[in-house]
Amino acid sequence: MVPVRSLAEVQGLDAGKLNTAALNRVCRELGTGCVMVFTFETELPESTVHVRMFAPLLVVPEDPATGSANGALGGLPDPPSGCGGDRANHLHRQ
């Protein structure tokens, strides 16, 4: 899980242009098959977090739904104030 400063940065990631060799190397070093990036800056005010998940090591350039990756966010502390959510009630968007 990689927190990213802004929605623009998360949306600006292009799965087809990622340095997959470097991403795969880091995933192997950390013992994971994927990298999930997220930001608490969202498109819609009712959303809590914006998420994308990349897993080229698993031959999945980008998870089209990110459902399983979203589950990991349940372990985060409460979102920053002003995010319109609490730990028991998150709305995630991709």
PDB file of N, CA and C in Angstrom:
ATOM      1  N   MET A   1       0.850  -1.165   0.000  1.00  0.00           N
ATOM      2  CA  MET A   1       0.000   0.000   0.000  1.00  0.00           C
ATOM      3  C   MET A   1       0.902   1.236   0.000  1.00  0.00           C
ATOM      4  N   VAL A   2       0.684   2.081  -0.994  1.00  0.00           N
ATOM      5  CA  VAL A   2       1.507   3.276  -1.149  1.00  0.00           C
ATOM      6  C   VAL A   2       0.599   4.504  -1.134  1.00  0.00           C
ATOM      7  N   PRO A   3       0.684   5.315  -0.085  1.00  0.00           N
ATOM      8  CA  PRO A   3      -0.108   6.544  -0.084  1.00  0.00           C
ATOM      9  C   PRO A   3       0.465   7.541  -1.086  1.00  0.00           C
ATOM     10  N   VAL A   4      -0.409   8.198  -1.810  1.00  0.00           N
ATOM     11  CA  VAL A   4      -0.013   9.181  -2.818  1.00  0.00           C
ATOM     12  C   VAL A   4      -0.679  10.509  -2.455  1.00  0.00           C
ATOM     13  N   ARG A   5       0.015  11.599  -2.700  1.00  0.00           N
ATOM     14  CA  ARG A   5      -0.452  12.924  -2.266  1.00  0.00           C
ATOM     15  C   ARG A   5      -1.755  13.371  -2.889  1.00  0.00           C
ATOM     16  N   SER A   6      -1.939  13.097  -4.185  1.00  0.00           N
ATOM     17  CA  SER A   6      -3.092  13.710  -4.851  1.00  0.00           C
ATOM     18  C   SER A   6      -3.794  12.750  -5.802  1.00  0.00           C
ATOM     19  N   LEU A   7      -5.042  13.059  -6.052  1.00  0.00           N
ATOM     20  CA  LEU A   7      -5.844  12.309  -7.006  1.00  0.00           C
ATOM     21  C   LEU A   7      -5.223  12.396  -8.399  1.00  0.00           C
ATOM     22  N   ALA A   8      -4.731  13.563  -8.771  1.00  0.00           N
ATOM     23  CA  ALA A   8      -4.114  13.732 -10.096  1.00  0.00           C
ATOM     24  C   ALA A   8      -2.934  12.782 -10.278  1.00  0.00           C
ATOM     25  N   GLU A   9      -2.133  12.603  -9.237  1.00  0.00           N
ATOM     26  CA  GLU A   9      -0.984  11.687  -9.336  1.00  0.00           C
ATOM     27  C   GLU A   9      -1.450  10.238  -9.487  1.00  0.00           C
ATOM     28  N   VAL A  10      -2.470   9.854  -8.738  1.00  0.00           N
ATOM     29  CA  VAL A  10      -2.984   8.476  -8.845  1.00  0.00           C
ATOM     30  C   VAL A  10      -3.578   8.254 -10.226  1.00  0.00           C
ATOM     31  N   GLN A  11      -4.380   9.196 -10.691  1.00  0.00           N
ATOM     32  CA  GLN A  11      -5.004   9.059 -12.012  1.00  0.00           C
ATOM     33  C   GLN A  11      -3.981   9.150 -13.138  1.00  0.00           C
ATOM     34  N   GLY A  12      -2.875   9.829 -12.893  1.00  0.00           N
ATOM     35  CA  GLY A  12      -1.850  10.002 -13.918  1.00  0.00           C
ATOM     36  C   GLY A  12      -0.989   8.774 -14.161  1.00  0.00           C
ATOM     37  N   LEU A  13      -1.092   7.782 -13.298  1.00  0.00           N
ATOM     38  CA  LEU A  13      -0.309   6.557 -13.504  1.00  0.00           C
ATOM     39  C   LEU A  13      -0.862   5.792 -14.697  1.00  0.00           C
ATOM     40  N   ASP A  14      -0.002   5.420 -15.606  1.00  0.00           N
ATOM     41  CA  ASP A  14      -0.401   4.686 -16.806  1.00  0.00           C
ATOM     42  C   ASP A  14       0.192   3.285 -16.711  1.00  0.00           C
ATOM     43  N   ALA A  15      -0.677   2.286 -16.542  1.00  0.00           N
ATOM     44  CA  ALA A  15      -0.216   0.903 -16.375  1.00  0.00           C
ATOM     45  C   ALA A  15       0.685   0.468 -17.519  1.00  0.00           C
ATOM     46  N   GLY A  16       0.446   0.973 -18.713  1.00  0.00           N
ATOM     47  CA  GLY A  16       1.242   0.594 -19.871  1.00  0.00           C
ATOM     48  C   GLY A  16       2.616   1.248 -19.923  1.00  0.00           C
ATOM     49  N   LYS A  17       2.823   2.264 -19.093  1.00  0.00           N
ATOM     50  CA  LYS A  17       4.097   2.975 -19.106  1.00  0.00           C
ATOM     51  C   LYS A  17       4.885   2.820 -17.811  1.00  0.00           C
ATOM     52  N   LEU A  18       4.391   1.997 -16.886  1.00  0.00           N
ATOM     53  CA  LEU A  18       5.116   1.779 -15.639  1.00  0.00           C
ATOM     54  C   LEU A  18       6.423   1.053 -15.903  1.00  0.00           C
ATOM     55  N   ASN A  19       7.425   1.311 -15.102  1.00  0.00           N
ATOM     56  CA  ASN A  19       8.687   0.583 -15.172  1.00  0.00           C
ATOM     57  C   ASN A  19       8.452  -0.764 -14.485  1.00  0.00           C
ATOM     58  N   THR A  20       7.937  -1.720 -15.259  1.00  0.00           N
ATOM     59  CA  THR A  20       7.544  -2.998 -14.663  1.00  0.00           C
ATOM     60  C   THR A  20       8.732  -3.781 -14.123  1.00  0.00           C
ATOM     61  N   ALA A  21       9.908  -3.642 -14.715  1.00  0.00           N
ATOM     62  CA  ALA A  21      11.087  -4.338 -14.186  1.00  0.00           C
ATOM     63  C   ALA A  21      11.385  -3.852 -12.772  1.00  0.00           C
ATOM     64  N   ALA A  22      11.354  -2.543 -12.568  1.00  0.00           N
ATOM     65  CA  ALA A  22      11.611  -1.984 -11.232  1.00  0.00           C
ATOM     66  C   ALA A  22      10.491  -2.353 -10.265  1.00  0.00           C
ATOM     67  N   LEU A  23       9.252  -2.271 -10.727  1.00  0.00           N
ATOM     68  CA  LEU A  23       8.113  -2.614  -9.878  1.00  0.00           C
ATOM     69  C   LEU A  23       8.169  -4.083  -9.462  1.00  0.00           C
ATOM     70  N   ASN A  24       8.474  -4.960 -10.397  1.00  0.00           N
ATOM     71  CA  ASN A  24       8.591  -6.384 -10.085  1.00  0.00           C
ATOM     72  C   ASN A  24       9.739  -6.651  -9.115  1.00  0.00           C
ATOM     73  N   ARG A  25      10.843  -5.966  -9.292  1.00  0.00           N
ATOM     74  CA  ARG A  25      11.988  -6.132  -8.391  1.00  0.00           C
ATOM     75  C   ARG A  25      11.608  -5.758  -6.950  1.00  0.00           C
ATOM     76  N   VAL A  26      10.946  -4.629  -6.802  1.00  0.00           N
ATOM     77  CA  VAL A  26      10.521  -4.188  -5.474  1.00  0.00           C
ATOM     78  C   VAL A  26       9.503  -5.176  -4.883  1.00  0.00           C
ATOM     79  N   CYS A  27       8.564  -5.630  -5.701  1.00  0.00           N
ATOM     80  CA  CYS A  27       7.574  -6.602  -5.214  1.00  0.00           C
ATOM     81  C   CYS A  27       8.263  -7.880  -4.726  1.00  0.00           C
ATOM     82  N   ARG A  28       9.229  -8.368  -5.477  1.00  0.00           N
ATOM     83  CA  ARG A  28       9.958  -9.574  -5.046  1.00  0.00           C
ATOM     84  C   ARG A  28      10.699  -9.321  -3.732  1.00  0.00           C
ATOM     85  N   GLU A  29      11.361  -8.162  -3.624  1.00  0.00           N
ATOM     86  CA  GLU A  29      12.106  -7.831  -2.403  1.00  0.00           C
ATOM     87  C   GLU A  29      11.191  -7.751  -1.192  1.00  0.00           C
ATOM     88  N   LEU A  30       9.952  -7.272  -1.395  1.00  0.00           N
ATOM     89  CA  LEU A  30       9.015  -7.110  -0.287  1.00  0.00           C
ATOM     90  C   LEU A  30       8.124  -8.343  -0.075  1.00  0.00           C
ATOM     91  N   GLY A  31       8.243  -9.312  -0.977  1.00  0.00           N
ATOM     92  CA  GLY A  31       7.447 -10.531  -0.842  1.00  0.00           C
ATOM     93  C   GLY A  31       5.969 -10.337  -1.144  1.00  0.00           C
ATOM     94  N   THR A  32       5.679  -9.478  -2.114  1.00  0.00           N
ATOM     95  CA  THR A  32       4.289  -9.239  -2.505  1.00  0.00           C
ATOM     96  C   THR A  32       4.166  -9.336  -4.020  1.00  0.00           C
ATOM     97  N   GLY A  33       2.962  -9.549  -4.488  1.00  0.00           N
ATOM     98  CA  GLY A  33       2.746  -9.650  -5.923  1.00  0.00           C
ATOM     99  C   GLY A  33       2.149  -8.392  -6.536  1.00  0.00           C
ATOM    100  N   CYS A  34       1.856  -7.399  -5.693  1.00  0.00           N
ATOM    101  CA  CYS A  34       1.175  -6.217  -6.225  1.00  0.00           C
ATOM    102  C   CYS A  34       1.518  -4.964  -5.429  1.00  0.00           C
ATOM    103  N   VAL A  35       1.181  -3.843  -6.029  1.00  0.00           N
ATOM    104  CA  VAL A  35       1.327  -2.545  -5.382  1.00  0.00           C
ATOM    105  C   VAL A  35      -0.004  -1.824  -5.522  1.00  0.00           C
ATOM    106  N   MET A  36      -0.541  -1.390  -4.390  1.00  0.00           N
ATOM    107  CA  MET A  36      -1.778  -0.623  -4.391  1.00  0.00           C
ATOM    108  C   MET A  36      -1.435   0.809  -4.027  1.00  0.00           C
ATOM    109  N   VAL A  37      -1.856   1.744  -4.863  1.00  0.00           N
ATOM    110  CA  VAL A  37      -1.662   3.160  -4.562  1.00  0.00           C
ATOM    111  C   VAL A  37      -3.017   3.750  -4.200  1.00  0.00           C
ATOM    112  N   PHE A  38      -3.001   4.698  -3.267  1.00  0.00           N
ATOM    113  CA  PHE A  38      -4.260   5.301  -2.853  1.00  0.00           C
ATOM    114  C   PHE A  38      -4.040   6.744  -2.418  1.00  0.00           C
ATOM    115  N   THR A  39      -5.126   7.495  -2.470  1.00  0.00           N
ATOM    116  CA  THR A  39      -5.128   8.866  -1.976  1.00  0.00           C
ATOM    117  C   THR A  39      -6.468   9.143  -1.316  1.00  0.00           C
ATOM    118  N   PHE A  40      -6.445   9.996  -0.304  1.00  0.00           N
ATOM    119  CA  PHE A  40      -7.692  10.407   0.335  1.00  0.00           C
ATOM    120  C   PHE A  40      -8.327  11.586  -0.399  1.00  0.00           C
ATOM    121  N   GLU A  41      -7.685  12.060  -1.458  1.00  0.00           N
ATOM    122  CA  GLU A  41      -8.282  13.069  -2.329  1.00  0.00           C
ATOM    123  C   GLU A  41      -9.132  12.301  -3.339  1.00  0.00           C
ATOM    124  N   THR A  42     -10.395  12.629  -3.466  1.00  0.00           N
ATOM    125  CA  THR A  42     -11.318  11.841  -4.287  1.00  0.00           C
ATOM    126  C   THR A  42     -12.057  12.692  -5.312  1.00  0.00           C
ATOM    127  N   GLU A  43     -12.656  12.014  -6.288  1.00  0.00           N
ATOM    128  CA  GLU A  43     -13.445  12.693  -7.311  1.00  0.00           C
ATOM    129  C   GLU A  43     -14.782  13.168  -6.771  1.00  0.00           C
ATOM    130  N   LEU A  44     -15.392  12.349  -5.926  1.00  0.00           N
ATOM    131  CA  LEU A  44     -16.722  12.639  -5.397  1.00  0.00           C
ATOM    132  C   LEU A  44     -16.647  12.891  -3.899  1.00  0.00           C
ATOM    133  N   PRO A  45     -17.381  13.876  -3.395  1.00  0.00           N
ATOM    134  CA  PRO A  45     -17.295  14.203  -1.970  1.00  0.00           C
ATOM    135  C   PRO A  45     -17.730  13.072  -1.047  1.00  0.00           C
ATOM    136  N   GLU A  46     -18.586  12.182  -1.507  1.00  0.00           N
ATOM    137  CA  GLU A  46     -19.030  11.079  -0.653  1.00  0.00           C
ATOM    138  C   GLU A  46     -18.025   9.923  -0.596  1.00  0.00           C
ATOM    139  N   SER A  47     -17.007   9.957  -1.434  1.00  0.00           N
ATOM    140  CA  SER A  47     -15.974   8.917  -1.421  1.00  0.00           C
ATOM    141  C   SER A  47     -14.954   9.209  -0.333  1.00  0.00           C
ATOM    142  N   THR A  48     -14.349   8.152   0.178  1.00  0.00           N
ATOM    143  CA  THR A  48     -13.340   8.278   1.227  1.00  0.00           C
ATOM    144  C   THR A  48     -11.933   8.187   0.652  1.00  0.00           C
ATOM    145  N   VAL A  49     -11.759   7.326  -0.358  1.00  0.00           N
ATOM    146  CA  VAL A  49     -10.422   7.049  -0.863  1.00  0.00           C
ATOM    147  C   VAL A  49     -10.508   6.670  -2.341  1.00  0.00           C
ATOM    148  N   HIS A  50      -9.454   6.970  -3.088  1.00  0.00           N
ATOM    149  CA  HIS A  50      -9.339   6.590  -4.497  1.00  0.00           C
ATOM    150  C   HIS A  50      -8.164   5.616  -4.597  1.00  0.00           C
ATOM    151  N   VAL A  51      -8.400   4.457  -5.212  1.00  0.00           N
ATOM    152  CA  VAL A  51      -7.437   3.349  -5.181  1.00  0.00           C
ATOM    153  C   VAL A  51      -7.168   2.818  -6.588  1.00  0.00           C
ATOM    154  N   ARG A  52      -5.908   2.405  -6.816  1.00  0.00           N
ATOM    155  CA  ARG A  52      -5.550   1.628  -8.014  1.00  0.00           C
ATOM    156  C   ARG A  52      -4.556   0.564  -7.589  1.00  0.00           C
ATOM    157  N   MET A  53      -4.596  -0.584  -8.267  1.00  0.00           N
ATOM    158  CA  MET A  53      -3.709  -1.691  -7.907  1.00  0.00           C
ATOM    159  C   MET A  53      -3.035  -2.223  -9.170  1.00  0.00           C
ATOM    160  N   PHE A  54      -1.706  -2.353  -9.095  1.00  0.00           N
ATOM    161  CA  PHE A  54      -0.894  -2.831 -10.207  1.00  0.00           C
ATOM    162  C   PHE A  54      -0.184  -4.114  -9.792  1.00  0.00           C
ATOM    163  N   ALA A  55      -0.189  -5.113 -10.680  1.00  0.00           N
ATOM    164  CA  ALA A  55       0.435  -6.396 -10.353  1.00  0.00           C
ATOM    165  C   ALA A  55       1.073  -7.037 -11.584  1.00  0.00           C
ATOM    166  N   PRO A  56       2.033  -6.368 -12.224  1.00  0.00           N
ATOM    167  CA  PRO A  56       2.644  -6.961 -13.418  1.00  0.00           C
ATOM    168  C   PRO A  56       3.371  -8.270 -13.118  1.00  0.00           C
ATOM    169  N   LEU A  57       3.849  -8.439 -11.890  1.00  0.00           N
ATOM    170  CA  LEU A  57       4.508  -9.688 -11.506  1.00  0.00           C
ATOM    171  C   LEU A  57       3.539 -10.871 -11.604  1.00  0.00           C
ATOM    172  N   LEU A  58       2.249 -10.595 -11.419  1.00  0.00           N
ATOM    173  CA  LEU A  58       1.211 -11.622 -11.515  1.00  0.00           C
ATOM    174  C   LEU A  58       0.539 -11.612 -12.887  1.00  0.00           C
ATOM    175  N   VAL A  59       1.144 -10.920 -13.835  1.00  0.00           N
ATOM    176  CA  VAL A  59       0.643 -10.775 -15.211  1.00  0.00           C
ATOM    177  C   VAL A  59      -0.718 -10.058 -15.214  1.00  0.00           C
ATOM    178  N   VAL A  60      -0.870  -9.102 -14.306  1.00  0.00           N
ATOM    179  CA  VAL A  60      -2.050  -8.252 -14.253  1.00  0.00           C
ATOM    180  C   VAL A  60      -1.542  -6.809 -14.232  1.00  0.00           C
ATOM    181  N   PRO A  61      -1.440  -6.171 -15.399  1.00  0.00           N
ATOM    182  CA  PRO A  61      -0.909  -4.814 -15.420  1.00  0.00           C
ATOM    183  C   PRO A  61      -1.642  -3.894 -14.439  1.00  0.00           C
ATOM    184  N   GLU A  62      -2.989  -3.947 -14.456  1.00  0.00           N
ATOM    185  CA  GLU A  62      -3.786  -3.199 -13.484  1.00  0.00           C
ATOM    186  C   GLU A  62      -5.057  -3.981 -13.205  1.00  0.00           C
ATOM    187  N   ASP A  63      -5.367  -4.142 -11.933  1.00  0.00           N
ATOM    188  CA  ASP A  63      -6.603  -4.814 -11.522  1.00  0.00           C
ATOM    189  C   ASP A  63      -7.772  -3.914 -11.925  1.00  0.00           C
ATOM    190  N   PRO A  64      -8.674  -4.411 -12.776  1.00  0.00           N
ATOM    191  CA  PRO A  64      -9.750  -3.553 -13.272  1.00  0.00           C
ATOM    192  C   PRO A  64     -10.813  -3.222 -12.230  1.00  0.00           C
ATOM    193  N   ALA A  65     -10.878  -3.963 -11.134  1.00  0.00           N
ATOM    194  CA  ALA A  65     -11.917  -3.698 -10.136  1.00  0.00           C
ATOM    195  C   ALA A  65     -11.350  -3.317  -8.775  1.00  0.00           C
ATOM    196  N   THR A  66     -10.183  -3.818  -8.410  1.00  0.00           N
ATOM    197  CA  THR A  66      -9.479  -3.487  -7.174  1.00  0.00           C
ATOM    198  C   THR A  66     -10.260  -3.858  -5.919  1.00  0.00           C
ATOM    199  N   GLY A  67     -11.194  -4.767  -6.030  1.00  0.00           N
ATOM    200  CA  GLY A  67     -11.979  -5.171  -4.862  1.00  0.00           C
ATOM    201  C   GLY A  67     -11.150  -5.779  -3.756  1.00  0.00           C
ATOM    202  N   SER A  68     -10.314  -6.758  -4.087  1.00  0.00           N
ATOM    203  CA  SER A  68      -9.508  -7.411  -3.055  1.00  0.00           C
ATOM    204  C   SER A  68      -8.460  -6.475  -2.477  1.00  0.00           C
ATOM    205  N   ALA A  69      -7.927  -5.571  -3.285  1.00  0.00           N
ATOM    206  CA  ALA A  69      -6.926  -4.621  -2.783  1.00  0.00           C
ATOM    207  C   ALA A  69      -7.556  -3.646  -1.789  1.00  0.00           C
ATOM    208  N   ASN A  70      -8.792  -3.281  -2.032  1.00  0.00           N
ATOM    209  CA  ASN A  70      -9.480  -2.351  -1.135  1.00  0.00           C
ATOM    210  C   ASN A  70      -9.595  -2.888   0.284  1.00  0.00           C
ATOM    211  N   GLY A  71      -9.703  -4.187   0.428  1.00  0.00           N
ATOM    212  CA  GLY A  71      -9.848  -4.781   1.752  1.00  0.00           C
ATOM    213  C   GLY A  71      -8.714  -4.426   2.687  1.00  0.00           C
ATOM    214  N   ALA A  72      -7.516  -4.261   2.150  1.00  0.00           N
ATOM    215  CA  ALA A  72      -6.358  -3.941   2.974  1.00  0.00           C
ATOM    216  C   ALA A  72      -6.492  -2.580   3.642  1.00  0.00           C
ATOM    217  N   LEU A  73      -7.277  -1.689   3.052  1.00  0.00           N
ATOM    218  CA  LEU A  73      -7.443  -0.359   3.635  1.00  0.00           C
ATOM    219  C   LEU A  73      -8.208  -0.402   4.954  1.00  0.00           C
ATOM    220  N   GLY A  74      -8.893  -1.489   5.231  1.00  0.00           N
ATOM    221  CA  GLY A  74      -9.615  -1.612   6.488  1.00  0.00           C
ATOM    222  C   GLY A  74      -8.693  -1.575   7.692  1.00  0.00           C
ATOM    223  N   GLY A  75      -7.415  -1.875   7.495  1.00  0.00           N
ATOM    224  CA  GLY A  75      -6.456  -1.855   8.585  1.00  0.00           C
ATOM    225  C   GLY A  75      -5.848  -0.491   8.852  1.00  0.00           C
ATOM    226  N   LEU A  76      -6.180   0.488   8.031  1.00  0.00           N
ATOM    227  CA  LEU A  76      -5.638   1.833   8.237  1.00  0.00           C
ATOM    228  C   LEU A  76      -6.361   2.526   9.381  1.00  0.00           C
ATOM    229  N   PRO A  77      -5.685   3.446  10.046  1.00  0.00           N
ATOM    230  CA  PRO A  77      -6.385   4.259  11.044  1.00  0.00           C
ATOM    231  C   PRO A  77      -7.439   5.121  10.359  1.00  0.00           C
ATOM    232  N   ASP A  78      -8.219   5.820  11.132  1.00  0.00           N
ATOM    233  CA  ASP A  78      -9.268   6.676  10.574  1.00  0.00           C
ATOM    234  C   ASP A  78      -8.707   7.587   9.498  1.00  0.00           C
ATOM    235  N   PRO A  79      -9.499   7.831   8.439  1.00  0.00           N
ATOM    236  CA  PRO A  79      -9.043   8.744   7.390  1.00  0.00           C
ATOM    237  C   PRO A  79      -8.873  10.151   7.945  1.00  0.00           C
ATOM    238  N   PRO A  80      -8.100  10.975   7.249  1.00  0.00           N
ATOM    239  CA  PRO A  80      -7.907  12.353   7.710  1.00  0.00           C
ATOM    240  C   PRO A  80      -9.235  13.091   7.840  1.00  0.00           C
ATOM    241  N   SER A  81      -9.276  14.078   8.701  1.00  0.00           N
ATOM    242  CA  SER A  81     -10.505  14.854   8.868  1.00  0.00           C
ATOM    243  C   SER A  81     -10.872  15.495   7.536  1.00  0.00           C
ATOM    244  N   GLY A  82     -12.144  15.618   7.312  1.00  0.00           N
ATOM    245  CA  GLY A  82     -12.619  16.220   6.074  1.00  0.00           C
ATOM    246  C   GLY A  82     -12.811  15.225   4.951  1.00  0.00           C
ATOM    247  N   CYS A  83     -12.529  13.943   5.198  1.00  0.00           N
ATOM    248  CA  CYS A  83     -12.693  12.939   4.144  1.00  0.00           C
ATOM    249  C   CYS A  83     -14.117  12.411   4.077  1.00  0.00           C
ATOM    250  N   GLY A  84     -14.947  12.798   5.019  1.00  0.00           N
ATOM    251  CA  GLY A  84     -16.351  12.405   4.953  1.00  0.00           C
ATOM    252  C   GLY A  84     -16.583  10.949   5.258  1.00  0.00           C
ATOM    253  N   GLY A  85     -15.763  10.316   6.058  1.00  0.00           N
ATOM    254  CA  GLY A  85     -15.986   8.916   6.376  1.00  0.00           C
ATOM    255  C   GLY A  85     -15.429   8.572   7.729  1.00  0.00           C
ATOM    256  N   ASP A  86     -15.736   7.394   8.156  1.00  0.00           N
ATOM    257  CA  ASP A  86     -15.131   6.890   9.373  1.00  0.00           C
ATOM    258  C   ASP A  86     -14.662   5.481   9.111  1.00  0.00           C
ATOM    259  N   ARG A  87     -14.014   4.873  10.075  1.00  0.00           N
ATOM    260  CA  ARG A  87     -13.389   3.574   9.859  1.00  0.00           C
ATOM    261  C   ARG A  87     -14.405   2.491   9.509  1.00  0.00           C
ATOM    262  N   ALA A  88     -15.617   2.605   9.979  1.00  0.00           N
ATOM    263  CA  ALA A  88     -16.636   1.587   9.730  1.00  0.00           C
ATOM    264  C   ALA A  88     -17.399   1.825   8.454  1.00  0.00           C
ATOM    265  N   ASN A  89     -17.206   2.969   7.813  1.00  0.00           N
ATOM    266  CA  ASN A  89     -18.024   3.307   6.658  1.00  0.00           C
ATOM    267  C   ASN A  89     -17.165   4.036   5.627  1.00  0.00           C
ATOM    268  N   HIS A  90     -16.506   3.269   4.749  1.00  0.00           N
ATOM    269  CA  HIS A  90     -15.669   3.857   3.693  1.00  0.00           C
ATOM    270  C   HIS A  90     -16.338   3.628   2.346  1.00  0.00           C
ATOM    271  N   LEU A  91     -16.212   4.570   1.444  1.00  0.00           N
ATOM    272  CA  LEU A  91     -16.634   4.410   0.064  1.00  0.00           C
ATOM    273  C   LEU A  91     -15.402   4.571  -0.801  1.00  0.00           C
ATOM    274  N   HIS A  92     -14.996   3.497  -1.474  1.00  0.00           N
ATOM    275  CA  HIS A  92     -13.767   3.494  -2.279  1.00  0.00           C
ATOM    276  C   HIS A  92     -14.123   3.605  -3.753  1.00  0.00           C
ATOM    277  N   ARG A  93     -13.328   4.365  -4.478  1.00  0.00           N
ATOM    278  CA  ARG A  93     -13.505   4.530  -5.927  1.00  0.00           C
ATOM    279  C   ARG A  93     -12.200   4.216  -6.631  1.00  0.00           C
ATOM    280  N   GLN A  94     -12.355   3.735  -7.865  1.00  0.00           N
ATOM    281  CA  GLN A  94     -11.180   3.488  -8.701  1.00  0.00           C
ATOM    282  C   GLN A  94     -11.281   4.355  -9.919  1.00  0.00           C
TER     283      GLN A  94
END
